[in-house]
Protein backbone atom coordinates (compact mmCIF):
# COMPACT_ATOMS: atom_id res chain seq x y z
CA MET A 1 -4.68 20.87 -4.41
CA GLU A 2 -4.87 18.05 -1.87
CA ALA A 3 -2.19 15.38 -2.02
CA TRP A 4 -4.91 12.66 -2.35
CA SER A 5 -8.34 13.08 -3.81
CA ARG A 6 -11.32 10.82 -4.33
CA ILE A 7 -12.54 10.10 -7.85
CA ALA A 8 -15.38 8.02 -9.27
CA LYS A 9 -15.46 5.96 -12.45
CA ASN A 10 -18.36 3.75 -13.58
CA GLY A 11 -19.83 3.77 -10.10
CA LEU A 12 -16.58 2.76 -8.42
CA ASP A 13 -14.64 5.02 -6.02
CA PHE A 14 -10.83 5.38 -5.93
CA TRP A 15 -8.27 7.49 -4.15
CA ILE A 16 -5.58 8.99 -6.30
CA CYS A 17 -2.32 10.70 -5.38
CA ASN A 18 -2.21 14.01 -7.26
CA PRO A 19 1.50 14.86 -6.91
CA LEU A 20 2.70 11.60 -8.42
CA LEU A 21 0.41 12.22 -11.35
CA GLU A 22 1.58 15.88 -11.73
CA HIS A 23 5.32 15.36 -11.25
CA CYS A 24 5.92 11.84 -12.47
CA GLY A 25 3.06 11.04 -14.84
CA ALA A 26 2.19 8.10 -12.64
CA GLU A 27 -1.31 7.16 -11.45
CA ALA A 28 -1.15 5.89 -7.86
CA LEU A 29 -4.64 4.57 -7.06
CA PHE A 30 -6.34 2.78 -4.18
CA THR A 31 -9.78 1.21 -4.35
CA THR A 32 -12.60 1.49 -1.78
CA ARG A 33 -15.10 -1.23 -0.97
CA LYS A 34 -17.96 0.49 -2.81
CA GLY A 35 -19.59 -0.43 -6.13
CA GLY A 36 -18.99 -4.18 -6.36
CA THR A 37 -20.95 -7.39 -6.44
CA SER A 38 -19.91 -9.22 -3.27
CA ILE A 39 -22.30 -9.61 -0.29
CA GLY A 40 -21.94 -10.23 3.46
CA PRO A 41 -18.63 -9.34 5.03
CA TRP A 42 -17.18 -8.89 1.54
CA ASP A 43 -19.65 -6.18 0.60
CA SER A 44 -19.00 -5.11 -2.10
CA LEU A 45 -15.88 -4.43 -4.19
CA ASN A 46 -13.75 -7.23 -2.75
CA VAL A 47 -10.76 -8.06 -5.03
CA SER A 48 -9.57 -11.30 -3.32
CA ALA A 49 -11.08 -14.74 -3.05
CA LYS A 50 -8.68 -15.80 -0.28
CA THR A 51 -10.97 -14.91 2.61
CA GLY A 52 -13.98 -16.96 1.70
CA ASP A 53 -15.82 -14.79 -0.88
CA ARG A 54 -17.43 -16.37 -3.91
CA VAL A 55 -14.97 -16.68 -6.76
CA ALA A 56 -17.63 -15.59 -9.27
CA ASP A 57 -18.27 -12.37 -7.32
CA VAL A 58 -14.57 -11.60 -7.02
CA ASN A 59 -14.14 -12.11 -10.75
CA ALA A 60 -17.05 -9.77 -11.45
CA ASN A 61 -15.47 -7.19 -9.18
CA LEU A 62 -12.18 -7.46 -10.96
CA GLN A 63 -13.86 -7.12 -14.29
CA ALA A 64 -15.72 -4.05 -13.15
CA LEU A 65 -12.51 -2.58 -11.82
CA MET A 66 -10.54 -3.23 -15.03
CA THR A 67 -13.36 -1.82 -17.13
CA ALA A 68 -13.72 1.39 -15.03
CA LEU A 69 -10.04 2.08 -15.35
CA SER A 70 -9.71 0.90 -19.01
CA ILE A 71 -7.08 -1.63 -17.97
CA ASP A 72 -6.14 -4.55 -20.20
CA PRO A 73 -5.96 -7.52 -17.80
CA GLY A 74 -2.92 -8.74 -19.77
CA SER A 75 -0.95 -5.71 -18.66
CA VAL A 76 -1.53 -6.32 -14.98
CA ARG A 77 1.25 -7.63 -12.74
CA GLY A 78 0.94 -8.77 -9.15
CA VAL A 79 2.72 -10.81 -6.50
CA GLN A 80 1.91 -13.61 -4.11
CA GLN A 81 2.22 -11.49 -0.97
CA VAL A 82 3.91 -13.12 2.05
CA HIS A 83 4.72 -10.17 4.35
CA GLY A 84 8.37 -10.29 3.37
CA VAL A 85 10.91 -8.11 1.65
CA GLU A 86 11.35 -9.65 -1.82
CA ILE A 87 10.94 -7.46 -4.89
CA VAL A 88 10.31 -8.82 -8.37
CA ASN A 89 10.43 -7.48 -11.92
CA PRO A 90 7.18 -8.11 -13.72
CA GLY A 91 8.70 -10.29 -16.48
CA ALA A 92 5.99 -12.47 -18.00
CA GLU A 93 3.80 -13.01 -14.94
CA VAL A 94 0.16 -12.10 -15.40
CA TYR A 95 -2.35 -11.42 -12.63
CA PRO A 96 -3.86 -13.49 -11.12
CA THR A 97 -1.06 -15.90 -12.10
CA VAL A 98 1.35 -14.01 -9.94
CA SER A 99 4.98 -14.18 -8.88
CA PRO A 100 5.37 -16.30 -5.77
CA GLY A 101 6.72 -15.15 -2.50
CA ALA A 102 7.22 -11.36 -2.91
CA ASP A 103 5.67 -8.13 -1.67
CA ALA A 104 6.87 -5.59 -4.18
CA ILE A 105 7.06 -5.12 -7.94
CA PHE A 106 9.54 -3.01 -9.84
CA ASP A 107 8.93 -2.13 -13.49
CA ARG A 108 11.95 -0.44 -15.04
CA GLU A 109 10.13 0.37 -18.29
CA GLY A 110 6.79 1.37 -16.75
CA ARG A 111 4.95 -0.80 -19.29
CA HIS A 112 2.67 -2.65 -16.87
CA VAL A 113 -0.08 -2.00 -14.45
CA LEU A 114 1.27 -2.93 -10.97
CA VAL A 115 -1.17 -4.16 -8.29
CA THR A 116 -1.01 -5.29 -4.62
CA VAL A 117 -3.89 -6.36 -2.38
CA HIS A 118 -4.50 -4.79 1.07
CA GLY A 119 -6.55 -5.40 4.17
CA ASP A 120 -4.78 -2.94 6.53
CA CYS A 121 -1.11 -3.03 5.34
CA ALA A 122 0.32 0.07 3.70
CA PRO A 123 0.66 0.49 -0.06
CA VAL A 124 3.89 2.37 -0.83
CA TYR A 125 4.29 3.85 -4.35
CA LEU A 126 7.61 5.04 -5.79
CA ALA A 127 8.16 7.04 -9.04
CA ALA A 128 10.64 9.55 -10.43
CA ALA A 129 10.24 12.61 -12.59
CA GLY A 130 11.50 12.05 -16.16
CA ASN A 131 11.86 8.32 -15.77
CA PRO A 132 9.34 5.57 -16.64
CA ALA A 133 10.29 3.24 -13.78
CA LEU A 134 7.70 2.40 -11.08
CA LEU A 135 7.77 0.44 -7.82
CA LEU A 136 4.80 -0.69 -5.77
CA MET A 137 5.18 -2.24 -2.29
CA HIS A 138 2.85 -4.08 0.14
CA ALA A 139 4.17 -3.02 3.52
CA GLY A 140 2.66 -4.69 6.53
CA TRP A 141 4.28 -4.51 9.95
CA ARG A 142 6.57 -7.49 9.31
CA GLY A 143 7.76 -6.32 5.88
CA THR A 144 8.15 -2.71 7.06
CA ALA A 145 10.19 -3.70 10.06
CA ALA A 146 12.23 -6.18 8.03
CA GLY A 147 13.24 -3.44 5.58
CA ILE A 148 11.10 -3.76 2.46
CA THR A 149 10.59 0.03 2.12
CA ARG A 150 14.26 0.88 2.51
CA ARG A 151 15.20 -1.94 0.19
CA GLY A 152 12.71 -0.67 -2.43
CA VAL A 153 14.28 2.80 -2.45
CA ALA A 154 17.76 1.32 -2.80
CA LEU A 155 16.75 -0.96 -5.69
CA PHE A 156 14.97 1.85 -7.52
CA THR A 157 17.93 4.20 -7.43
CA ARG A 158 20.35 1.48 -8.30
CA GLU A 159 18.39 0.04 -11.24
CA ILE A 160 17.79 3.41 -12.95
CA ASN A 161 21.02 5.05 -11.79
CA CYS A 162 19.33 8.06 -10.25
CA SER A 163 19.69 10.06 -7.04
CA VAL A 164 17.27 9.34 -4.21
CA LYS A 165 16.57 13.07 -4.31
CA ASP A 166 14.78 12.49 -7.64
CA LEU A 167 12.19 10.14 -6.09
CA TYR A 168 8.61 10.81 -5.18
CA ALA A 169 6.70 8.53 -2.81
CA ALA A 170 3.10 8.01 -1.83
CA ILE A 171 1.54 6.02 1.07
CA GLY A 172 -2.03 4.91 0.65
CA PRO A 173 -4.72 4.21 3.20
CA CYS A 174 -3.73 1.75 5.89
CA ILE A 175 -4.24 1.09 9.60
CA HIS A 176 -3.22 3.90 12.00
CA GLU A 177 -2.41 4.13 15.68
CA CYS A 178 -6.00 4.82 16.63
CA CYS A 179 -6.93 1.17 15.76
CA TYR A 180 -3.61 -0.68 15.86
CA GLU A 181 -2.47 -1.85 19.30
CA VAL A 182 0.62 -3.99 19.17
CA GLY A 183 2.67 -5.98 21.67
CA THR A 184 6.28 -6.10 22.69
CA GLU A 185 7.53 -8.07 19.71
CA VAL A 186 6.22 -5.56 17.23
CA ALA A 187 7.22 -2.56 19.29
CA GLN A 188 10.81 -3.88 19.61
CA ALA A 189 10.95 -4.52 15.86
CA PHE A 190 10.00 -0.88 15.12
CA ALA A 191 12.28 0.51 17.77
CA ASP A 192 15.17 -1.36 16.06
CA CYS A 193 13.95 -0.34 12.58
CA LEU A 194 13.31 3.41 13.21
CA GLY A 195 15.96 4.11 15.85
CA ASN A 196 15.71 7.48 17.48
CA ARG A 197 12.62 8.33 15.43
CA CYS A 198 10.57 5.37 16.66
CA ARG A 199 8.34 7.60 18.83
CA GLU A 200 6.98 9.29 15.68
CA ALA A 201 5.28 6.03 14.75
CA LEU A 202 4.95 4.23 18.01
CA GLN A 203 2.88 5.50 20.97
CA VAL A 204 2.92 3.98 24.44
CA VAL A 205 -0.35 2.78 25.97
CA PRO A 206 0.79 2.91 29.63
CA THR A 207 -0.56 0.73 32.40
CA PRO A 208 -2.34 2.69 35.17
CA ALA A 209 0.77 2.85 37.36
CA ALA A 210 3.27 3.30 34.54
CA GLY A 211 3.58 7.09 34.51
CA ALA A 212 5.57 8.77 31.80
CA ARG A 213 7.61 6.29 29.79
CA THR A 214 9.35 6.32 26.42
CA ALA A 215 8.52 3.78 23.74
CA LEU A 216 11.71 1.92 24.62
CA THR A 217 11.41 1.83 28.42
CA ALA A 218 7.76 0.86 28.19
CA GLN A 219 8.69 -2.47 26.60
CA ALA A 220 10.50 -3.56 29.68
CA ALA A 221 7.39 -2.81 31.76
CA GLY A 222 5.16 -4.84 29.45
CA ASP A 223 3.11 -1.86 28.25
CA LYS A 224 1.16 -1.97 24.97
CA HIS A 225 1.85 0.30 22.04
CA ARG A 226 -0.07 1.81 19.20
CA LEU A 227 1.54 1.76 15.73
CA ASN A 228 1.01 4.23 12.89
CA LEU A 229 2.04 2.10 9.91
CA ALA A 230 1.87 5.03 7.48
CA ARG A 231 4.12 7.20 9.64
CA ALA A 232 6.60 4.37 10.09
CA ASN A 233 6.97 4.10 6.37
CA ARG A 234 7.26 7.87 6.03
CA VAL A 235 10.12 7.88 8.55
CA ILE A 236 11.88 5.09 6.64
CA LEU A 237 11.46 6.87 3.32
CA GLU A 238 12.94 10.00 4.90
CA GLN A 239 15.80 8.09 6.44
CA ALA A 240 16.48 6.60 3.00
CA GLY A 241 16.93 10.12 1.61
CA ILE A 242 13.65 11.09 0.05
CA ALA A 243 12.75 14.65 0.72
CA PRO A 244 9.89 15.03 3.22
CA GLU A 245 8.02 17.35 0.79
CA ARG A 246 8.08 14.58 -1.80
CA ILE A 247 6.31 12.01 0.37
CA PHE A 248 2.51 12.06 0.30
CA GLU A 249 0.46 10.22 2.90
CA ASN A 250 -3.22 9.42 2.69
CA ARG A 251 -4.17 9.88 6.30
CA LEU A 252 -7.30 7.73 6.24
CA CYS A 253 -7.24 4.76 8.65
CA THR A 254 -8.70 1.58 7.03
CA ALA A 255 -10.02 0.29 10.34
CA CYS A 256 -11.77 3.56 11.28
CA HIS A 257 -13.56 4.05 7.96
CA GLY A 258 -15.68 0.93 7.72
CA SER A 259 -18.03 2.33 5.06
CA ASP A 260 -15.06 2.84 2.67
CA PHE A 261 -12.54 0.14 3.49
CA PHE A 262 -12.25 -3.48 4.49
CA SER A 263 -10.02 -4.10 7.59
CA HIS A 264 -8.56 -7.36 8.70
CA ARG A 265 -7.95 -6.04 12.21
CA ARG A 266 -11.43 -4.56 12.64
CA ASP A 267 -13.36 -7.35 11.01
CA GLY A 268 -11.51 -10.33 12.51
CA GLY A 269 -10.07 -11.70 9.28
CA GLN A 270 -13.28 -12.59 7.39
CA THR A 271 -13.50 -9.49 5.20
CA GLY A 272 -12.56 -8.26 1.80
CA ARG A 273 -9.43 -6.57 0.32
CA MET A 274 -8.70 -3.39 -1.49
CA MET A 275 -6.28 -3.02 -4.41
CA ALA A 276 -3.38 -0.59 -4.84
CA ILE A 277 -2.65 0.22 -8.48
CA LEU A 278 0.32 1.99 -10.02
CA ARG A 279 0.71 2.72 -13.67
CA ARG A 280 2.09 5.27 -16.13
CA THR A 281 -0.36 7.69 -17.66
CA GLU A 282 0.97 6.48 -21.05
CA VAL A 283 -0.33 2.97 -20.18
CA SER A 284 -3.66 4.53 -19.21
CA LYS A 285 -3.96 6.43 -22.54
CA ARG A 286 -2.86 3.40 -24.55
CA GLU A 287 -5.58 1.27 -23.03
CA GLU A 288 -8.35 3.91 -23.04
CA GLY A 289 -11.38 2.59 -24.89
CA ARG A 290 -10.00 -0.90 -25.40
CA SER A 291 -12.69 -3.51 -24.99
CA LEU A 292 -12.14 -6.01 -22.26
CA LEU A 293 -15.21 -8.13 -22.86
């Protein structure tokens, strides 16, 4: 069985991570852009009104999404994403009235449906076998380099008093090195963050006279780099102690696959957003068939 597979519900397409479902009873989902109401650059299943789309269309898309997945909107928890490292517990916040200034949500009891919104940034999902806790992170380059992924692993294991070896992780679709050229500031941040494994996520784009250079020496010469955001997060998860065979990447690049995904980098900012969703299968079953209208 593939680590990630595509599924369809009510005319909407999603990606789901099969090992998290099998080993942890957790549904790690990621939407595509297909099956919604929005038009123009937001065509069609855009889940955010922050880039200029009509609010009525976004609301219709969210309603279609909740209905397709049998989600009670009252169970959904989100955060006001700021490309930082803060992690919140759902508490009483209800999407779209979301917790301010955070990029990750930890649910110790696994009672809620956790959501984050993505244009190219990586969704990182954490779960453990035999424990209901869930953690969902929005990991852009700033948050990743600043340590949100490593911080999420540490919080998860501390809060439920488990070993990091018990964790499973998934990384959803995001921008890859084929479409993500970055400058010296970003390259240095990831060289600092990843240490001697930085070359696994950071490729040098040499100038014509540069010759063979490493990711570190290239910075001094002013070369550009290409960043694989998914691979950077995988390296961090492994450095934090999660077994490589328990980390499952979706290898699709959001910028490459324009028919399936919105991309902030590809589309110049005026575009839609996808949604990452993490919930327990018990929540899914409890809400199955519940009317949302």
